[in-house]
Amino acid sequence: HLNREDYMDCAYLLAEEYEERLQFRISYELLVSIVSYELDMPYFRHFFFEVTERLRTLVCFKMPTRLSADEVVNYLNALVLLDLPTKDVAFYLKKAAELYLDLGDAVTATTYLRRGLELDEKLAGTKKLRERLAPFHAV
């Protein structure tokens, strides 16, 4: 019963509350719905950064503490497909690389890291990841 703009405002507030209650999946779904609406027709404009930053914090830092690495990778892969800023996509790819490496899949981790670096050659936090990947590339 809400119009589009009221829904987006309400969804953001609900996402905050669900996140606070550690219900990360629901928070994620709400935030992604806002992103989809915003990309379709801007409403939040300058506030959109707050939405994408909350989504980034949720998926990259909070979800990994509560959900399996496989599940978080699925959420990250879905975010990569959205038309988000290049730096965000690169960061999501790097985070997925870290999780793939945690899962023991160095080949996929390397692929994701390379994709991230193609988008942002100055991608922060890659030094440690490269060091962790180095033993798998020594032949």
Foldseek 3Di string as FASTA:
>chain_A
DDPPVVLLVVLQVVLVVCVVVVVLVSSLVSLVVSLVVCVVPNDCVVCVVVSLVVNCCSLQPVCVVPDQLVVSLVSLVVVLPRPDDLLSNLVSLQSNLVSCVVVVNLVSSVVSNVVSCVSPVPNPPCPVVCVSSVVVPDD
